Amino acid sequence: MEHDLVPMAAMLVPIVGSVALFSFLAVASWSDARRREREAYYTSETMKKIAETSGEGAKSAMELLHAQEKGAVKRRREGIKLGGLVTTAVGIGIMVFLRALNHDEPVYLAGIIPLLVGFALLAYVYMLAPNE
């Protein structure tokens, strides 16, 4: 009887672990979305109150809003730059690694895929992305 419980318990560990992991990810994602929603709400309410106070308040609120938008655009561009550099480096690393493993066949050419994705991200940031 005891011998039957050990395999069942061993099977439950990955199942319970998987359920716990995905439950945590779902709650963390919901929590982050809720936090962002609250921040956006309070920011818009503050902007409304400042804009309603006076003409000078409206001007300063718009300047603040524009500064926040520029900061967000800059952070997004920097994130894409970093992603492009990392992906390019991964492509080069894969090519070197696969070349060292197998000299007979050109399997190292599989590294061209992430390399080109990295180049595409960098090309977008430096040539195609709208300026601030």
C-alpha atoms as a PDB file:
ATOM      1  CA  MET A   1       0.000   0.000   0.000  1.00  0.00           C
ATOM      2  CA  GLU A   2       2.798   2.436   0.868  1.00  0.00           C
ATOM      3  CA  HIS A   3       4.567   1.663  -2.399  1.00  0.00           C
ATOM      4  CA  ASP A   4       1.577   2.993  -4.360  1.00  0.00           C
ATOM      5  CA  LEU A   5       1.644   6.354  -2.583  1.00  0.00           C
ATOM      6  CA  VAL A   6       5.229   7.227  -3.488  1.00  0.00           C
ATOM      7  CA  PRO A   7       4.713   7.322  -7.295  1.00  0.00           C
ATOM      8  CA  MET A   8       1.448   9.241  -6.870  1.00  0.00           C
ATOM      9  CA  ALA A   9       3.140  11.817  -4.637  1.00  0.00           C
ATOM     10  CA  ALA A  10       6.007  12.114  -7.108  1.00  0.00           C
ATOM     11  CA  MET A  11       3.501  12.822  -9.887  1.00  0.00           C
ATOM     12  CA  LEU A  12       1.711  15.475  -7.833  1.00  0.00           C
ATOM     13  CA  VAL A  13       4.809  17.612  -7.276  1.00  0.00           C
ATOM     14  CA  PRO A  14       5.177  18.842 -10.887  1.00  0.00           C
ATOM     15  CA  ILE A  15       1.405  19.249 -11.260  1.00  0.00           C
ATOM     16  CA  VAL A  16       1.027  21.309  -8.103  1.00  0.00           C
ATOM     17  CA  GLY A  17       4.197  23.242  -8.959  1.00  0.00           C
ATOM     18  CA  SER A  18       2.864  24.080 -12.411  1.00  0.00           C
ATOM     19  CA  VAL A  19      -0.486  25.217 -11.054  1.00  0.00           C
ATOM     20  CA  ALA A  20       1.238  27.339  -8.411  1.00  0.00           C
ATOM     21  CA  LEU A  21       3.594  28.911 -10.960  1.00  0.00           C
ATOM     22  CA  PHE A  22       0.852  29.856 -13.405  1.00  0.00           C
ATOM     23  CA  SER A  23      -1.377  31.101 -10.580  1.00  0.00           C
ATOM     24  CA  PHE A  24       1.430  33.332  -9.350  1.00  0.00           C
ATOM     25  CA  LEU A  25       2.067  34.650 -12.867  1.00  0.00           C
ATOM     26  CA  ALA A  26      -1.613  35.407 -13.375  1.00  0.00           C
ATOM     27  CA  VAL A  27      -1.906  37.277 -10.063  1.00  0.00           C
ATOM     28  CA  ALA A  28       1.337  39.185 -10.696  1.00  0.00           C
ATOM     29  CA  SER A  29       0.177  40.198 -14.166  1.00  0.00           C
ATOM     30  CA  TRP A  30      -3.227  41.314 -12.879  1.00  0.00           C
ATOM     31  CA  SER A  31      -1.611  43.236 -10.037  1.00  0.00           C
ATOM     32  CA  ASP A  32       0.745  45.064 -12.393  1.00  0.00           C
ATOM     33  CA  ALA A  33      -2.098  45.962 -14.762  1.00  0.00           C
ATOM     34  CA  ARG A  34      -4.157  47.251 -11.841  1.00  0.00           C
ATOM     35  CA  ARG A  35      -1.249  49.360 -10.584  1.00  0.00           C
ATOM     36  CA  ARG A  36      -0.752  50.909 -14.020  1.00  0.00           C
ATOM     37  CA  GLU A  37      -4.466  51.610 -14.290  1.00  0.00           C
ATOM     38  CA  ARG A  38      -4.464  53.389 -10.915  1.00  0.00           C
ATOM     39  CA  GLU A  39      -1.390  55.434 -11.871  1.00  0.00           C
ATOM     40  CA  ALA A  40      -3.002  56.514 -15.147  1.00  0.00           C
ATOM     41  CA  TYR A  41      -6.227  57.427 -13.360  1.00  0.00           C
ATOM     42  CA  TYR A  42      -4.516  59.519 -10.692  1.00  0.00           C
ATOM     43  CA  THR A  43      -2.311  61.210 -13.270  1.00  0.00           C
ATOM     44  CA  SER A  44      -5.282  62.155 -15.421  1.00  0.00           C
ATOM     45  CA  GLU A  45      -7.235  63.408 -12.394  1.00  0.00           C
ATOM     46  CA  THR A  46      -4.281  65.526 -11.298  1.00  0.00           C
ATOM     47  CA  MET A  47      -3.883  66.943 -14.796  1.00  0.00           C
ATOM     48  CA  LYS A  48      -7.597  67.806 -14.912  1.00  0.00           C
ATOM     49  CA  LYS A  49      -7.447  69.614 -11.584  1.00  0.00           C
ATOM     50  CA  ILE A  50      -4.341  71.560 -12.575  1.00  0.00           C
ATOM     51  CA  ALA A  51      -5.822  72.475 -15.950  1.00  0.00           C
ATOM     52  CA  GLU A  52      -9.062  73.707 -14.334  1.00  0.00           C
ATOM     53  CA  THR A  53      -7.330  76.013 -11.858  1.00  0.00           C
ATOM     54  CA  SER A  54      -6.065  78.717 -14.207  1.00  0.00           C
ATOM     55  CA  GLY A  55      -4.563  79.445 -17.611  1.00  0.00           C
ATOM     56  CA  GLU A  56      -1.035  79.143 -16.247  1.00  0.00           C
ATOM     57  CA  GLY A  57      -1.922  75.843 -14.581  1.00  0.00           C
ATOM     58  CA  ALA A  58      -3.192  74.443 -17.857  1.00  0.00           C
ATOM     59  CA  LYS A  59       0.030  75.457 -19.581  1.00  0.00           C
ATOM     60  CA  SER A  60       2.191  73.809 -16.927  1.00  0.00           C
ATOM     61  CA  ALA A  61       0.026  70.663 -17.004  1.00  0.00           C
ATOM     62  CA  MET A  62       0.459  70.359 -20.755  1.00  0.00           C
ATOM     63  CA  GLU A  63       4.229  70.863 -20.435  1.00  0.00           C
ATOM     64  CA  LEU A  64       4.361  68.130 -17.801  1.00  0.00           C
ATOM     65  CA  LEU A  65       2.315  65.809 -20.001  1.00  0.00           C
ATOM     66  CA  HIS A  66       4.607  66.406 -22.972  1.00  0.00           C
ATOM     67  CA  ALA A  67       7.695  65.806 -20.824  1.00  0.00           C
ATOM     68  CA  GLN A  68       6.238  62.498 -19.597  1.00  0.00           C
ATOM     69  CA  GLU A  69       5.458  61.411 -23.161  1.00  0.00           C
ATOM     70  CA  LYS A  70       8.986  62.263 -24.314  1.00  0.00           C
ATOM     71  CA  GLY A  71      10.422  60.266 -21.431  1.00  0.00           C
ATOM     72  CA  ALA A  72       8.262  57.267 -22.304  1.00  0.00           C
ATOM     73  CA  VAL A  73       9.279  57.426 -25.965  1.00  0.00           C
ATOM     74  CA  LYS A  74      12.944  57.682 -24.998  1.00  0.00           C
ATOM     75  CA  ARG A  75      12.691  54.687 -22.636  1.00  0.00           C
ATOM     76  CA  ARG A  76      10.957  52.653 -25.348  1.00  0.00           C
ATOM     77  CA  ARG A  77      13.647  53.509 -27.908  1.00  0.00           C
ATOM     78  CA  GLU A  78      16.423  52.642 -25.448  1.00  0.00           C
ATOM     79  CA  GLY A  79      14.714  49.328 -24.697  1.00  0.00           C
ATOM     80  CA  ILE A  80      14.551  48.476 -28.390  1.00  0.00           C
ATOM     81  CA  LYS A  81      18.226  49.423 -28.773  1.00  0.00           C
ATOM     82  CA  LEU A  82      19.180  47.149 -25.907  1.00  0.00           C
ATOM     83  CA  GLY A  83      17.032  44.323 -27.292  1.00  0.00           C
ATOM     84  CA  GLY A  84      18.669  44.711 -30.701  1.00  0.00           C
ATOM     85  CA  LEU A  85      22.166  44.616 -29.243  1.00  0.00           C
ATOM     86  CA  VAL A  86      21.421  41.577 -27.086  1.00  0.00           C
ATOM     87  CA  THR A  87      19.767  39.698 -29.947  1.00  0.00           C
ATOM     88  CA  THR A  88      22.673  40.500 -32.271  1.00  0.00           C
ATOM     89  CA  ALA A  89      25.150  39.269 -29.672  1.00  0.00           C
ATOM     90  CA  VAL A  90      23.123  36.079 -29.193  1.00  0.00           C
ATOM     91  CA  GLY A  91      23.192  35.458 -32.950  1.00  0.00           C
ATOM     92  CA  ILE A  92      26.964  35.887 -33.082  1.00  0.00           C
ATOM     93  CA  GLY A  93      27.394  33.667 -30.031  1.00  0.00           C
ATOM     94  CA  ILE A  94      25.231  30.918 -31.530  1.00  0.00           C
ATOM     95  CA  MET A  95      27.187  31.059 -34.762  1.00  0.00           C
ATOM     96  CA  VAL A  96      30.527  30.744 -32.953  1.00  0.00           C
ATOM     97  CA  PHE A  97      29.244  27.970 -30.697  1.00  0.00           C
ATOM     98  CA  LEU A  98      27.728  25.904 -33.492  1.00  0.00           C
ATOM     99  CA  ARG A  99      30.814  26.370 -35.666  1.00  0.00           C
ATOM    100  CA  ALA A 100      32.984  25.058 -32.832  1.00  0.00           C
ATOM    101  CA  LEU A 101      30.713  22.031 -32.361  1.00  0.00           C
ATOM    102  CA  ASN A 102      30.439  20.958 -35.981  1.00  0.00           C
ATOM    103  CA  HIS A 103      33.070  21.840 -38.586  1.00  0.00           C
ATOM    104  CA  ASP A 104      31.688  19.519 -41.278  1.00  0.00           C
ATOM    105  CA  GLU A 105      28.278  21.021 -41.980  1.00  0.00           C
ATOM    106  CA  PRO A 106      27.162  24.672 -41.958  1.00  0.00           C
ATOM    107  CA  VAL A 107      24.817  24.368 -38.975  1.00  0.00           C
ATOM    108  CA  TYR A 108      26.298  27.573 -37.611  1.00  0.00           C
ATOM    109  CA  LEU A 109      24.196  29.429 -40.180  1.00  0.00           C
ATOM    110  CA  ALA A 110      21.239  28.974 -37.824  1.00  0.00           C
ATOM    111  CA  GLY A 111      22.763  31.865 -35.858  1.00  0.00           C
ATOM    112  CA  ILE A 112      21.911  34.181 -38.738  1.00  0.00           C
ATOM    113  CA  ILE A 113      18.245  34.208 -37.644  1.00  0.00           C
ATOM    114  CA  PRO A 114      18.735  36.006 -34.294  1.00  0.00           C
ATOM    115  CA  LEU A 115      21.531  38.065 -35.840  1.00  0.00           C
ATOM    116  CA  LEU A 116      19.169  39.433 -38.491  1.00  0.00           C
ATOM    117  CA  VAL A 117      16.418  40.018 -35.914  1.00  0.00           C
ATOM    118  CA  GLY A 118      18.891  42.100 -33.893  1.00  0.00           C
ATOM    119  CA  PHE A 119      19.927  44.038 -36.987  1.00  0.00           C
ATOM    120  CA  ALA A 120      16.258  44.669 -37.810  1.00  0.00           C
ATOM    121  CA  LEU A 121      15.609  46.068 -34.319  1.00  0.00           C
ATOM    122  CA  LEU A 122      18.648  48.321 -34.544  1.00  0.00           C
ATOM    123  CA  ALA A 123      17.741  49.461 -38.060  1.00  0.00           C
ATOM    124  CA  TYR A 124      14.249  50.333 -36.872  1.00  0.00           C
ATOM    125  CA  VAL A 125      15.516  52.393 -33.947  1.00  0.00           C
ATOM    126  CA  TYR A 126      18.159  54.291 -35.895  1.00  0.00           C
ATOM    127  CA  MET A 127      16.443  54.706 -39.272  1.00  0.00           C
ATOM    128  CA  LEU A 128      12.686  54.120 -39.173  1.00  0.00           C
ATOM    129  CA  ALA A 129      11.432  55.021 -35.697  1.00  0.00           C
ATOM    130  CA  PRO A 130       9.723  58.408 -35.435  1.00  0.00           C
ATOM    131  CA  ASN A 131      11.817  61.091 -33.803  1.00  0.00           C
ATOM    132  CA  GLU A 132      10.826  62.620 -30.478  1.00  0.00           C
END
